[in-house]
Every structure is written in structure tokens, then in C-alpha cells.
Protein backbone atom coordinates (compact mmCIF):
# COMPACT_ATOMS: atom_id res chain seq x y z
CA UNK A 1 0.00 0.00 0.00
CA UNK A 2 2.84 2.39 0.89
CA UNK A 3 4.52 2.10 -2.51
CA UNK A 4 1.24 2.35 -4.39
CA UNK A 5 0.04 5.42 -2.48
CA UNK A 6 -0.42 8.50 -4.63
CA UNK A 7 1.47 11.60 -3.55
CA UNK A 8 -0.54 14.34 -1.93
CA UNK A 9 -0.63 17.90 -3.14
CA UNK A 10 -0.91 21.44 -1.83
CA UNK A 11 -2.78 24.04 -3.84
CA UNK A 12 -4.09 27.54 -3.36
CA UNK A 13 -7.72 28.42 -3.73
CA UNK A 14 -10.12 31.26 -3.08
CA UNK A 15 -13.85 31.68 -2.81
CA UNK A 16 -14.17 34.36 -5.49
CA UNK A 17 -17.02 33.78 -7.92
CA UNK A 18 -17.92 35.08 -11.37
CA UNK A 19 -21.11 36.72 -12.59
CA UNK A 20 -22.65 33.27 -13.06
CA UNK A 21 -22.10 32.51 -9.38
CA UNK A 22 -19.54 29.80 -10.02
CA UNK A 23 -16.24 29.77 -8.13
CA UNK A 24 -13.40 31.10 -10.27
CA UNK A 25 -10.82 28.76 -8.85
CA UNK A 26 -7.49 28.97 -10.69
CA UNK A 27 -8.89 31.64 -13.07
CA UNK A 28 -9.16 34.19 -10.26
CA UNK A 29 -6.93 37.16 -11.24
CA UNK A 30 -6.14 37.85 -7.54
CA UNK A 31 -4.89 34.35 -6.78
CA UNK A 32 -1.27 35.25 -7.35
CA UNK A 33 -1.25 37.68 -4.45
CA UNK A 34 0.15 36.26 -1.21
CA UNK A 35 -2.65 37.70 0.87
CA UNK A 36 -5.40 36.35 -1.35
CA UNK A 37 -6.98 32.94 -0.87
CA UNK A 38 -5.86 30.07 1.33
CA UNK A 39 -3.86 26.90 0.87
CA UNK A 40 -5.40 23.46 0.83
CA UNK A 41 -4.05 19.94 0.86
CA UNK A 42 -5.42 16.75 -0.51
CA UNK A 43 -4.20 13.20 -0.08
CA UNK A 44 -5.60 9.90 -1.22
CA UNK A 45 -6.21 7.57 1.71
CA UNK A 46 -7.09 3.85 1.80
CA UNK A 47 -10.49 3.07 0.26
CA UNK A 48 -13.60 2.00 2.10
CA UNK A 49 -14.25 -1.66 2.79
CA UNK A 50 -16.32 -1.80 -0.44
CA UNK A 51 -13.44 -0.39 -2.51
CA UNK A 52 -14.73 3.21 -2.83
CA UNK A 53 -11.85 5.67 -3.21
CA UNK A 54 -11.39 8.36 -0.55
CA UNK A 55 -9.58 11.70 -0.58
CA UNK A 56 -8.53 13.60 2.54
CA UNK A 57 -9.06 17.31 1.89
CA UNK A 58 -8.44 20.24 4.18
CA UNK A 59 -8.35 23.95 3.42
CA UNK A 60 -7.89 27.21 5.26
CA UNK A 61 -4.10 27.13 5.75
CA UNK A 62 -2.54 30.62 5.84
CA UNK A 63 0.86 29.43 4.59
CA UNK A 64 2.31 26.59 2.56
CA UNK A 65 4.38 25.63 5.61
CA UNK A 66 1.24 25.00 7.69
CA UNK A 67 -0.31 22.88 4.97
CA UNK A 68 2.92 20.94 4.47
CA UNK A 69 3.13 20.18 8.21
CA UNK A 70 -0.29 18.50 8.18
CA UNK A 71 0.52 16.68 4.94
CA UNK A 72 3.64 15.26 6.55
CA UNK A 73 1.52 14.04 9.49
CA UNK A 74 -0.85 12.35 7.05
CA UNK A 75 1.99 10.63 5.26
CA UNK A 76 3.50 9.45 8.56
CA UNK A 77 0.21 7.72 9.40
CA UNK A 78 -0.09 6.23 5.93
CA UNK A 79 3.46 4.92 6.12
CA UNK A 80 2.29 2.60 8.90
CA UNK A 81 0.51 0.58 6.21
CA UNK A 82 3.14 -1.65 4.70
CA UNK A 83 3.01 -3.76 1.58
CA UNK A 84 1.41 -7.09 2.39
CA UNK A 85 -0.72 -5.77 5.27
CA UNK A 86 -4.25 -7.11 5.39
CA UNK A 87 -6.97 -4.91 3.93
CA UNK A 88 -8.69 -4.56 7.32
CA UNK A 89 -5.67 -2.76 8.77
CA UNK A 90 -5.53 -0.36 5.80
CA UNK A 91 -9.27 0.25 6.00
CA UNK A 92 -9.00 1.08 9.73
CA UNK A 93 -6.34 3.69 8.98
CA UNK A 94 -8.50 5.10 6.20
CA UNK A 95 -11.53 5.22 8.47
CA UNK A 96 -9.79 7.20 11.21
CA UNK A 97 -8.35 9.68 8.70
CA UNK A 98 -11.71 10.10 6.95
CA UNK A 99 -13.33 10.79 10.32
CA UNK A 100 -10.70 13.44 11.11
CA UNK A 101 -11.38 15.04 7.72
CA UNK A 102 -15.16 15.13 8.23
CA UNK A 103 -14.96 16.47 11.78
CA UNK A 104 -12.08 18.88 11.10
CA UNK A 105 -10.31 17.12 13.98
CA UNK A 106 -6.53 17.14 14.42
CA UNK A 107 -4.69 14.60 12.32
CA UNK A 108 -3.90 11.66 14.64
CA UNK A 109 -0.36 11.16 15.83
CA UNK A 110 1.42 8.36 13.97
CA UNK A 111 2.96 7.01 17.17
CA UNK A 112 -0.47 6.74 18.85
CA UNK A 113 -1.94 5.04 15.76
CA UNK A 114 0.96 2.57 15.76
CA UNK A 115 0.42 1.71 19.43
CA UNK A 116 -3.28 1.14 18.86
CA UNK A 117 -2.61 -1.10 15.87
CA UNK A 118 -0.08 -3.11 17.91
CA UNK A 119 -2.55 -3.42 20.77
CA UNK A 120 -5.24 -4.85 18.54
CA UNK A 121 -7.63 -2.00 19.31
CA UNK A 122 -9.73 -0.40 16.64
CA UNK A 123 -8.38 3.02 15.71
CA UNK A 124 -11.84 4.54 15.81
CA UNK A 125 -12.52 3.00 19.23
CA UNK A 126 -14.22 5.31 21.69
CA UNK A 127 -13.65 2.99 24.67
CA UNK A 128 -14.58 4.68 27.93
CA UNK A 129 -12.86 4.40 31.28
CA UNK A 130 -15.84 2.41 32.56
CA UNK A 131 -15.62 -0.11 29.70
CA UNK A 132 -11.90 -0.56 30.26
CA UNK A 133 -12.34 -1.01 34.02
CA UNK A 134 -14.87 -3.80 33.37
CA UNK A 135 -12.53 -5.47 30.89
CA UNK A 136 -9.52 -5.11 33.17
CA UNK A 137 -11.36 -6.49 36.21
CA UNK A 138 -12.68 -9.49 34.27
CA UNK A 139 -9.11 -10.45 33.35
CA UNK A 140 -7.61 -10.07 36.84
CA UNK A 141 -6.04 -13.15 38.43
CA UNK A 142 -5.64 -11.73 41.92
CA UNK A 143 -6.84 -13.31 45.16
CA UNK A 144 -10.55 -13.20 45.73
CA UNK A 145 -10.49 -10.60 48.51
CA UNK A 146 -8.26 -8.31 46.38
CA UNK A 147 -10.50 -8.68 43.34
CA UNK A 148 -13.54 -7.99 45.51
CA UNK A 149 -11.90 -4.78 46.74
CA UNK A 150 -11.21 -3.72 43.13
CA UNK A 151 -14.82 -4.46 42.19
CA UNK A 152 -16.15 -2.36 45.05
CA UNK A 153 -13.98 0.64 44.17
CA UNK A 154 -15.00 0.40 40.52
CA UNK A 155 -18.73 -0.05 41.17
CA UNK A 156 -19.16 2.48 43.98
CA UNK A 157 -16.70 5.20 43.01
CA UNK A 158 -14.78 4.97 39.73
CA UNK A 159 -17.52 4.13 37.22
CA UNK A 160 -20.00 6.71 38.57
CA UNK A 161 -17.27 9.38 38.69
CA UNK A 162 -15.08 8.65 35.66
CA UNK A 163 -16.81 5.89 33.72
CA UNK A 164 -18.08 8.09 30.89
CA UNK A 165 -14.66 9.62 30.08
CA UNK A 166 -12.80 8.49 26.96
CA UNK A 167 -9.96 6.25 28.10
CA UNK A 168 -7.47 7.79 25.71
CA UNK A 169 -8.46 11.31 26.76
CA UNK A 170 -8.37 10.89 30.54
CA UNK A 171 -6.32 13.68 32.10
CA UNK A 172 -4.92 14.59 35.51
CA UNK A 173 -7.58 17.28 35.73
CA UNK A 174 -10.34 14.67 35.28
CA UNK A 175 -8.95 12.48 38.06
CA UNK A 176 -8.28 15.41 40.39
CA UNK A 177 -11.84 16.68 39.88
CA UNK A 178 -13.11 13.17 40.68
CA UNK A 179 -11.38 13.14 44.07
CA UNK A 180 -12.34 16.76 44.75
CA UNK A 181 -15.97 15.71 44.22
CA UNK A 182 -15.51 13.01 46.87
CA UNK A 183 -14.24 15.68 49.27
CA UNK A 184 -17.27 17.87 48.52
CA UNK A 185 -19.57 14.92 49.14
CA UNK A 186 -17.77 14.22 52.42
CA UNK A 187 -18.34 17.81 53.57
CA UNK A 188 -22.04 17.59 52.81
CA UNK A 189 -22.28 14.21 54.54
CA UNK A 190 -20.47 15.51 57.61
CA UNK A 191 -22.84 18.47 57.83
CA UNK A 192 -25.90 16.20 57.48
CA UNK A 193 -24.53 13.79 60.08
CA UNK A 194 -23.91 16.62 62.53
CA UNK A 195 -27.42 17.97 62.00
CA UNK A 196 -28.85 14.53 62.66
CA UNK A 197 -26.82 14.14 65.86
CA UNK A 198 -28.05 17.52 67.10
CA UNK A 199 -31.63 16.57 66.27
CA UNK A 200 -31.26 13.24 68.09
CA UNK A 201 -30.13 15.17 71.16
CA UNK A 202 -33.32 17.28 70.98
CA UNK A 203 -35.37 14.07 70.97
CA UNK A 204 -34.13 12.94 74.39
CA UNK A 205 -35.68 13.82 77.76
CA UNK A 206 -32.41 13.41 79.61
CA UNK A 207 -33.93 13.35 83.09
CA UNK A 208 -35.15 10.52 85.31
CA UNK A 209 -38.82 9.69 85.21
CA UNK A 210 -41.50 10.35 82.64
CA UNK A 211 -41.48 13.82 81.03
CA UNK A 212 -44.43 16.20 81.53
CA UNK A 213 -47.19 16.17 78.94
CA UNK A 214 -46.08 19.39 77.25
CA UNK A 215 -42.49 18.08 77.02
CA UNK A 216 -43.70 14.74 75.64
CA UNK A 217 -45.61 16.62 72.96
CA UNK A 218 -42.53 18.63 72.01
CA UNK A 219 -40.38 15.47 71.96
CA UNK A 220 -42.88 13.86 69.58
CA UNK A 221 -42.56 16.84 67.24
CA UNK A 222 -38.76 16.60 67.37
CA UNK A 223 -38.90 12.86 66.60
CA UNK A 224 -41.05 13.58 63.56
CA UNK A 225 -38.41 16.01 62.36
CA UNK A 226 -35.74 13.36 62.94
CA UNK A 227 -37.68 10.78 60.92
CA UNK A 228 -37.83 13.23 57.99
CA UNK A 229 -34.05 13.74 57.97
CA UNK A 230 -31.73 11.65 55.76
CA UNK A 231 -29.92 8.77 57.48
CA UNK A 232 -26.28 9.00 58.46
CA UNK A 233 -24.05 9.30 55.39
CA UNK A 234 -20.83 7.38 54.85
CA UNK A 235 -17.60 9.39 54.83
CA UNK A 236 -14.89 8.28 52.38
CA UNK A 237 -11.72 8.73 54.41
CA UNK A 238 -8.16 9.49 53.27
CA UNK A 239 -7.04 5.85 53.43
CA UNK A 240 -10.00 4.72 51.32
CA UNK A 241 -9.28 7.41 48.72
CA UNK A 242 -5.69 6.21 48.53
CA UNK A 243 -6.92 2.66 47.89
CA UNK A 244 -9.35 3.91 45.21
CA UNK A 245 -6.49 5.68 43.48
CA UNK A 246 -4.38 2.53 43.71
CA UNK A 247 -7.13 0.61 41.92
CA UNK A 248 -7.39 3.24 39.17
CA UNK A 249 -3.61 3.41 38.86
CA UNK A 250 -3.36 -0.37 38.45
CA UNK A 251 -6.12 -0.38 35.82
CA UNK A 252 -4.50 2.43 33.83
CA UNK A 253 -1.13 0.67 34.01
CA UNK A 254 -2.89 -2.32 32.48
CA UNK A 255 -4.13 -0.08 29.67
CA UNK A 256 -0.56 1.14 29.11
CA UNK A 257 0.67 -2.45 28.86
CA UNK A 258 -2.02 -3.05 26.23
CA UNK A 259 -0.73 0.09 24.46
CA UNK A 260 -4.16 1.71 24.67
CA UNK A 261 -2.75 4.80 26.40
CA UNK A 262 0.70 6.15 27.12
CA UNK A 263 0.10 8.15 30.31
CA UNK A 264 -1.25 7.25 33.75
CA UNK A 265 -3.25 10.23 34.99
CA UNK A 266 -3.79 8.66 38.43
CA UNK A 267 -0.07 8.93 39.22
CA UNK A 268 -0.10 12.69 39.57
CA UNK A 269 -3.20 13.65 41.53
CA UNK A 270 -2.70 15.21 44.95
CA UNK A 271 -4.37 13.47 47.89
CA UNK A 272 -4.07 13.92 51.60
CA UNK A 273 -2.10 11.32 53.47
CA UNK A 274 -3.77 7.95 53.90
CA UNK A 275 -1.77 7.00 56.98
CA UNK A 276 -3.42 4.69 59.45
CA UNK A 277 -5.03 6.62 62.32
CA UNK A 278 -3.39 6.49 65.70
CA UNK A 279 -5.23 4.54 68.35
CA UNK A 280 -6.59 6.43 71.36
CA UNK A 281 -7.60 5.14 74.76
CA UNK A 282 -11.10 5.57 76.12
CA UNK A 283 -9.96 7.90 78.89
CA UNK A 284 -12.55 9.83 80.93
CA UNK A 285 -11.85 12.93 78.82
CA UNK A 286 -12.41 11.02 75.57
CA UNK A 287 -15.58 9.43 76.91
CA UNK A 288 -16.88 12.88 77.88
CA UNK A 289 -16.14 14.19 74.39
CA UNK A 290 -17.98 11.25 72.81
CA UNK A 291 -21.00 11.70 75.09
CA UNK A 292 -21.10 15.43 74.31
CA UNK A 293 -20.65 15.28 70.51
CA UNK A 294 -21.55 11.72 69.51
CA UNK A 295 -18.19 11.46 67.73
CA UNK A 296 -15.32 9.15 68.62
CA UNK A 297 -12.06 11.06 69.19
CA UNK A 298 -10.33 8.72 66.72
CA UNK A 299 -11.51 6.09 64.24
CA UNK A 300 -9.52 3.62 66.34
CA UNK A 301 -10.47 3.55 70.01
CA UNK A 302 -9.00 1.16 72.56
CA UNK A 303 -10.22 0.09 76.00
CA UNK A 304 -8.12 0.54 79.09
CA UNK A 305 -7.29 -2.67 81.01
CA UNK A 306 -10.11 -1.85 83.43
CA UNK A 307 -12.59 -1.48 80.58
CA UNK A 308 -11.29 -4.68 78.97
CA UNK A 309 -11.98 -6.50 82.22
CA UNK A 310 -15.46 -5.01 82.31
CA UNK A 311 -16.06 -6.30 78.77
CA UNK A 312 -14.78 -9.81 79.59
CA UNK A 313 -16.90 -9.99 82.72
CA UNK A 314 -19.95 -9.44 80.53
CA UNK A 315 -18.66 -11.63 77.67
CA UNK A 316 -18.26 -14.65 79.94
CA UNK A 317 -22.03 -15.18 79.60
CA UNK A 318 -21.65 -15.72 75.83
CA UNK A 319 -20.94 -19.10 74.20
CA UNK A 320 -18.23 -17.24 72.24
CA UNK A 321 -16.41 -16.02 75.34
CA UNK A 322 -13.24 -17.94 74.46
CA UNK A 323 -13.17 -16.24 71.06
CA UNK A 324 -13.20 -12.73 72.53
CA UNK A 325 -10.73 -13.69 75.25
CA UNK A 326 -8.31 -14.96 72.59
CA UNK A 327 -8.64 -11.84 70.43
CA UNK A 328 -8.24 -9.41 73.32
CA UNK A 329 -5.09 -11.01 74.70
CA UNK A 330 -3.41 -12.47 71.61
CA UNK A 331 -4.48 -10.06 68.87
CA UNK A 332 -5.83 -12.41 66.21
CA UNK A 333 -7.71 -10.85 63.31
CA UNK A 334 -11.42 -11.58 63.11
CA UNK A 335 -11.11 -13.96 60.16
CA UNK A 336 -8.12 -15.72 61.71
CA UNK A 337 -10.09 -16.34 64.90
CA UNK A 338 -13.10 -17.98 63.22
CA UNK A 339 -10.76 -19.82 60.84
CA UNK A 340 -8.51 -21.26 63.56
CA UNK A 341 -8.31 -25.07 63.69
CA UNK A 342 -7.72 -27.28 66.70
CA UNK A 343 -4.97 -29.16 64.88
CA UNK A 344 -2.86 -26.00 64.93
CA UNK A 345 -3.18 -25.45 68.69
CA UNK A 346 -0.90 -27.21 71.18
CA UNK A 347 -2.49 -26.55 74.56
CA UNK A 348 0.15 -28.54 76.42
CA UNK A 349 2.92 -26.41 74.96
CA UNK A 350 0.79 -23.25 75.01
CA UNK A 351 1.29 -22.50 71.29
CA UNK A 352 -1.27 -21.42 68.68
CA UNK A 353 -0.44 -21.06 64.95
CA UNK A 354 -2.92 -19.27 62.67
CA UNK A 355 -2.93 -20.81 59.19
CA UNK A 356 -6.28 -20.01 57.55
CA UNK A 357 -8.93 -17.30 57.69
CA UNK A 358 -12.63 -17.15 56.94
CA UNK A 359 -13.36 -14.14 54.72
CA UNK A 360 -16.68 -12.47 53.90
CA UNK A 361 -17.54 -11.44 50.34
CA UNK A 362 -21.08 -10.02 50.05
CA UNK A 363 -22.07 -12.12 53.08
CA UNK A 364 -20.72 -15.29 51.44
CA UNK A 365 -17.98 -16.90 53.51
CA UNK A 366 -14.96 -18.60 51.99
CA UNK A 367 -11.68 -19.87 53.36
CA UNK A 368 -8.45 -18.19 52.32
CA UNK A 369 -4.77 -18.03 53.11
CA UNK A 370 -3.58 -15.50 55.64
CA UNK A 371 -2.77 -11.92 54.79
CA UNK A 372 1.03 -12.23 54.76
CA UNK A 373 3.70 -14.86 55.26
CA UNK A 374 4.50 -13.29 58.63
CA UNK A 375 0.90 -13.93 59.73
CA UNK A 376 1.60 -17.68 59.77
CA UNK A 377 3.71 -17.58 62.92
CA UNK A 378 3.28 -19.32 66.29
CA UNK A 379 1.76 -17.31 69.13
CA UNK A 380 2.50 -18.06 72.79
CA UNK A 381 -0.53 -18.61 75.01
CA UNK A 382 -0.64 -17.65 78.67
CA UNK A 383 -1.93 -20.17 81.20
CA UNK A 384 -5.28 -18.41 81.61
CA UNK A 385 -5.92 -18.42 77.85
CA UNK A 386 -4.98 -22.13 77.72
CA UNK A 387 -7.50 -22.81 80.50
CA UNK A 388 -10.18 -20.83 78.64
CA UNK A 389 -9.56 -22.82 75.44
CA UNK A 390 -9.68 -26.12 77.32
CA UNK A 391 -13.03 -25.14 78.81
CA UNK A 392 -14.24 -24.11 75.37
CA UNK A 393 -13.26 -27.50 73.96
CA UNK A 394 -15.34 -29.21 76.65
CA UNK A 395 -18.24 -26.90 75.80
CA UNK A 396 -17.90 -27.63 72.07
CA UNK A 397 -17.94 -31.40 72.62
CA UNK A 398 -21.04 -31.03 74.80
CA UNK A 399 -22.68 -29.01 72.01
CA UNK A 400 -21.77 -31.76 69.56
CA UNK A 401 -23.41 -34.44 71.66
CA UNK A 402 -26.49 -32.28 72.27
CA UNK A 403 -26.82 -31.52 68.55
CA UNK A 404 -26.50 -35.17 67.55
CA UNK A 405 -29.24 -36.13 70.01
CA UNK A 406 -31.44 -33.36 68.60
CA UNK A 407 -30.71 -34.44 65.01
CA UNK A 408 -31.59 -38.06 65.81
CA UNK A 409 -34.89 -37.00 67.39
CA UNK A 410 -35.75 -34.82 64.39
CA UNK A 411 -34.92 -37.59 61.91
CA UNK A 412 -37.19 -39.91 63.89
CA UNK A 413 -39.97 -37.41 63.13
CA UNK A 414 -39.16 -37.61 59.43
CA UNK A 415 -37.22 -34.36 59.23
CA UNK A 416 -33.94 -34.03 57.36
CA UNK A 417 -31.46 -32.85 60.01
CA UNK A 418 -27.79 -33.74 59.65
CA UNK A 419 -25.45 -34.69 62.46
CA UNK A 420 -22.90 -32.27 63.87
CA UNK A 421 -20.35 -31.29 61.21
CA UNK A 422 -16.75 -31.81 62.21
CA UNK A 423 -15.01 -28.88 60.44
CA UNK A 424 -12.05 -28.93 62.80
CA UNK A 425 -12.62 -25.27 63.63
CA UNK A 426 -12.22 -24.03 67.18
CA UNK A 427 -15.24 -21.72 66.97
CA UNK A 428 -18.33 -22.95 65.15
CA UNK A 429 -22.09 -22.77 64.99
CA UNK A 430 -23.94 -25.13 67.36
CA UNK A 431 -24.19 -27.67 64.51
CA UNK A 432 -20.42 -27.57 63.91
CA UNK A 433 -20.52 -25.57 60.66
CA UNK A 434 -18.41 -22.51 60.00
CA UNK A 435 -19.10 -19.48 62.18
CA UNK A 436 -19.90 -16.46 60.05
CA UNK A 437 -17.38 -13.67 60.84
CA UNK A 438 -20.09 -11.02 60.94
CA UNK A 439 -21.93 -12.95 63.65
CA UNK A 440 -19.03 -12.56 66.05
CA UNK A 441 -19.02 -8.82 65.28
CA UNK A 442 -22.74 -8.56 66.01
CA UNK A 443 -22.35 -10.46 69.30
CA UNK A 444 -19.38 -8.25 70.18
CA UNK A 445 -21.50 -5.10 69.77
CA UNK A 446 -24.25 -6.59 71.93
CA UNK A 447 -21.78 -7.37 74.72
CA UNK A 448 -20.32 -3.84 74.56
CA UNK A 449 -23.80 -2.35 74.88
CA UNK A 450 -24.78 -4.61 77.77
CA UNK A 451 -21.55 -3.77 79.57
CA UNK A 452 -22.30 -0.03 79.25
CA UNK A 453 -18.98 0.66 77.55
CA UNK A 454 -18.15 3.25 74.87
CA UNK A 455 -18.06 1.80 71.35
CA UNK A 456 -15.09 0.07 69.76
CA UNK A 457 -14.81 -2.11 66.68
CA UNK A 458 -13.96 -5.78 66.94
CA UNK A 459 -10.83 -5.23 64.86
CA UNK A 460 -9.64 -2.79 67.54
CA UNK A 461 -9.05 -5.79 69.81
CA UNK A 462 -5.68 -6.09 68.03
CA UNK A 463 -4.81 -2.62 69.25
CA UNK A 464 -5.89 -3.60 72.75
CA UNK A 465 -3.70 -6.70 72.61
CA UNK A 466 -0.75 -4.52 71.59
CA UNK A 467 -1.46 -2.12 74.45
CA UNK A 468 -1.66 -4.95 77.00
CA UNK A 469 1.63 -6.48 75.81
CA UNK A 470 3.33 -3.11 76.16
CA UNK A 471 1.73 -2.43 79.55
CA UNK A 472 3.01 -5.79 80.77
CA UNK A 473 6.58 -4.71 79.96
CA UNK A 474 6.93 -5.93 76.39
CA UNK A 475 8.87 -3.72 74.01
CA UNK A 476 7.96 -2.89 70.42
CA UNK A 477 9.54 -6.13 69.20
CA UNK A 478 7.34 -8.17 71.55
CA UNK A 479 4.28 -6.34 70.23
CA UNK A 480 5.36 -7.03 66.64
CA UNK A 481 5.84 -10.74 67.41
CA UNK A 482 2.37 -10.98 68.95
CA UNK A 483 0.64 -9.20 66.07
CA UNK A 484 2.86 -10.91 63.42
CA UNK A 485 3.59 -7.76 61.46
CA UNK A 486 5.87 -7.74 58.44
CA UNK A 487 7.86 -4.70 59.66
CA UNK A 488 8.60 -3.07 62.96
CA UNK A 489 7.65 0.29 61.41
CA UNK A 490 4.05 -0.84 60.89
CA UNK A 491 3.83 -1.85 64.53
CA UNK A 492 5.31 1.43 65.75
CA UNK A 493 3.21 3.69 63.51
CA UNK A 494 -0.14 2.02 63.91
CA UNK A 495 -0.74 -0.34 66.79
CA UNK A 496 0.99 0.79 69.95
CA UNK A 497 -0.86 3.09 72.31
CA UNK A 498 1.04 3.78 75.51
CA UNK A 499 -1.04 3.68 78.65
CA UNK A 500 -0.77 6.88 80.72
CA UNK A 501 -0.06 4.83 83.83
CA UNK A 502 2.78 3.01 82.08
CA UNK A 503 4.19 6.28 80.79
CA UNK A 504 4.24 7.69 84.30
CA UNK A 505 5.99 4.59 85.63
CA UNK A 506 8.58 4.86 82.88
CA UNK A 507 9.05 8.56 83.67
CA UNK A 508 9.53 7.81 87.36
CA UNK A 509 12.09 5.07 86.64
CA UNK A 510 13.95 7.36 84.22
CA UNK A 511 14.13 10.15 86.81
CA UNK A 512 15.38 7.71 89.45
CA UNK A 513 18.34 6.76 87.27
CA UNK A 514 19.97 10.19 87.71
CA UNK A 515 21.82 10.59 91.04
CA UNK A 516 21.34 13.97 92.75
CA UNK A 517 23.34 15.60 95.54
CA UNK A 518 20.33 17.54 96.74
CA UNK A 519 16.61 17.75 96.19
CA UNK A 520 14.97 19.58 93.33
CA UNK A 521 13.94 23.14 94.19
CA UNK A 522 10.36 22.23 93.32
CA UNK A 523 10.17 19.86 96.28
CA UNK A 524 8.91 21.33 99.59
CA UNK A 525 11.65 21.91 102.15
CA UNK A 526 12.20 19.17 104.66
CA UNK A 527 11.52 19.72 108.34
CA UNK A 528 14.42 21.15 110.27
CA UNK A 529 16.50 18.59 112.07
CA UNK A 530 20.06 17.59 112.77
CA UNK A 531 22.41 18.01 109.84
CA UNK A 532 22.98 14.90 107.79
CA UNK A 533 26.19 13.09 108.24
CA UNK A 534 28.75 13.19 105.50
CA UNK A 535 28.27 9.50 104.84
CA UNK A 536 24.55 10.10 104.48
CA UNK A 537 25.20 12.76 101.85
CA UNK A 538 27.38 10.39 99.86
CA UNK A 539 24.84 7.62 100.20
CA UNK A 540 22.06 9.93 99.02
CA UNK A 541 24.08 11.01 96.02
CA UNK A 542 24.40 7.37 95.03
CA UNK A 543 20.63 6.94 95.31
CA UNK A 544 21.02 4.24 97.92
CA UNK A 545 19.62 5.93 101.02
CA UNK A 546 18.74 9.16 102.75
CA UNK A 547 15.94 11.48 101.71
CA UNK A 548 17.10 11.71 98.10
CA UNK A 549 17.22 7.97 97.82
CA UNK A 550 13.78 7.62 99.33
CA UNK A 551 12.39 10.20 96.92
CA UNK A 552 13.86 8.30 93.99
């Protein structure tokens, strides 16, 4: 095709017409003047699929140089069609050039056309971001939980916000505007949520006993207003936005590998940091703030040891007490806890090794490998936890026998009830089947409410476990070993929350390490008495006796 292509041409034309109304064309006497008329180019391009010849024409160029520049671009595209190429390839090139001619669009870049041809994508493709995201997701070979996360980001955020954009025309500005729109939506949601909290406060009597009739009437009016308000809106936090961008970035990188685009717009948008929030203790001040505003001081809240004991005292009434005891003290993740198997627990040695997890995907539960290689590491069990697990095993065997008796009775009545299922799991339903992870979360919330404690999430039990290890004297490495983190940095940045009492003890021990010859001026003067002996002064300076030593 390249050798057979006819050369293009550049001519000058004007719109002058004679008395008959016809355009004069080359007969125009003014055509020789530089300022008269305009230059045009024409170039034969590949024919239609039915063999009809096509000519690319464009006029309106002020100079020959401008016309020649576009003609060179045309020829560069046509040079991509080599002798021996199939007719479909040549027709595609002709189609995209004919479309540019009709729409007066810029002549396509030869390099972009070449990439599209190599990628097997039609040159006239108007693939949108949404269509590419669907195609990319369908071809992913990632783990199920990762793919499910991608699907959620695409369905909830990316397709509604960017799905209608042309893939090859997606810019940084488009992506930045998308995330700015999320921020605007967050602001509106926060305002609505605050208004609802304030209205809920107006719906409460707040005093002992039944309110007077006139107050009851006003409360009823306020409750009607509350019912008319929108429900609490979800806030898309910084960490979630970072994960959404990661999904878009991965999808666009896939498009680059397919040579559909050459630039990843998601790489350059500016987002606030998506660092994990620091955990905070439910101190009296934080509880007061929560009671006053309805907001938790941090997304991650952790019980003090006293509050943890209060929770466990209430949880002991639950058949899942051993589960919560294990999570609070040993820091297992929710899915690891319900996925734990008896075969990987050595109660005599006091060792537990997580190996599998039960994961929820749209309420469906499936078994999966653990999050990281470091997660599959043995965890030491204290004697109390071992005793709790032994008692739980006795309870589970009793449940098995009770279920089998029940199943036999039901089958005698003609009902189809199976015997207890031996899944090997430590924590199960009464019939032995897998325990749904969300059920332990629901039971956890019920226990928290019954215990009269401020709210925490079940996953925050890992933070509590880290806090308890540190409070018991364990350093950051001991915390990392318990939580089975890949790096010490992750442990330090995210999971450790120093207890105020422990901090004060550390401060006192640090101060005691420094020998002093005399008391600090901040201390009240001692009662007058006989002067200290010289030996006493020396002994006090060493921190071994005297008033200074006692103070230390």
C-alpha cells in the first residue's frame, strides 16, 4: 500500500465567484497575491471496505508551511501501512483519517496510531474508562479478597465518577476533579450527620422519670423532624481514597501495557495522606467528648485494662467467650479467629499457629490463606488463655453431643437434620458448621452495649492486645511478634498506644536513674533537724539511702 500510495498535493484556492455565481478557482486574477486565498491539501487515503476511493481534503491554511506540516503528518500515518498488510488494517487507517477530515479534527499522531494497531484495538474505538475497568477487572487473576476490593472501588466510586470519560483522553484534571468531588460529598455528609446528631439530642428527655405532657408533645414533634431527615451518610476517608487511586492506577497501568494509552493520569493527583489513624484510649476525657458530641475522638479507640476487664466480665455469659478472650489477649484478626483449627493449637505447649482465615464477600464466607507470610507464625498462650480454650473444647464437645441427640430426634420425626459437622474449627455454629465472621461482630457489639462501655470495633481488639503487651513490659519487638507484622515500622506507627499509667511509671524510673546531691527546688523543704552526716550525703548522692534515695 505504501509504494502504491499516490502523492498528496498542496494548492491555493479562493472563494471568489464570477457573474454566473460559479467559483473562479485557478482563473481568479487575484490568486497570485500572497494575501489572497488560502492553501489546501489533498491526499488519497485507503479506500472503504467496499473499494470506494477516498480523498482527505483540508483547506484554510494561511501558509504553505502550515499545509505541508499536516501533509507530513498524514503521510507518517499512511506509512504505517506496509506492503502485504491485510486490507482490514488499511481500512482502519483510512476510516480514522476520513473521520478526522469530516470532523475537522486534528490529524492523529502516527505514534499513537501505531500503538493502537499493535494493541489490537480499533483506531476509531471510543472505549470509555468504565468499559476498560470492566474489561480489566474481568481479566484479573488476583486473590478473591483483592479482586472484591477492586470491584467495590469500581462499582461504587470509579464508574460513577469517571466511567463516561474516553480512556485515551483521561487527564490529571479529570482524576483530580473526581477526588475533589468526593471531598465535597464528604463535607455535605459531615454536615448532614452533625445535623442529625443535634436533632437526636433534641429528641431525648435526659432526666429521670416520665417527662411532663407538654415536654412529651414537644419530643414527639422533634422525633417527627428526625424521621424526615436523611440517614447517616458514609464518609470516604483518606485511606479509602488512597486505595481507590491505587485501583485506578493499576487499571491504567494495564491499559498502558495493552498500548491503549501512554500516560497514567492517576499517578499525579494530589491526595491527603492515607496513613493509618493512631489509636486512642477511652480515657474519661475522651468518653466525655464522645458523650457530648456523639463522635469518637479517633476512628480507632481502645479500651483501658479496666474497661477490657469489664467487657470480659460481661462476655463470659456468651458461648463465644473464648473467642473474645483470645482476640483481646493475643491479637488475632477476626477472620483468623473464626478460621482457627484445633490441629494448629498445642495446649500442652501453650502454642497457637494461625494458618487459615474465613473471609466475607457479600455475606458469602470462603476460606483463604492469611494476609502475609509473617501472619503464619506461632503465638504463645498464657496459662489463663490455655484454660479458657480447654473449657471451650469441653463446651464444644457437649454441644456436639447435644446436637447429635437433637438431630436423631428430628430424623425420627421424618425431618432431614444432619449430624454435627466436624469442620475442625475451634469456633463454630452449634451444629459444627463454620461461624460467620459477621456474627461474632454482632455479638461483640451486643456485649459492649450490655456492659455499658463506649463503642469500639472488633478489629480494635488487636490494638488492645498490643497495648496490654506493652503495659506488661513488652517492648515494640514483643508487640510485633504478637501481632505478626511484616515490619517493625508498621507496629510502631499504627498499633501501639502507651497507657498513661505506664508512661508515668517509665518517667519515674527514668528520673530515678539520675543521682542527685540535693533535692529539686520544686520539692517542699524538709523539716528542720540535725544536719545529715557526710556519709549520708554520699549515700544519698548514690541513690542508695537518705531522703534523696527515698524520693527516687
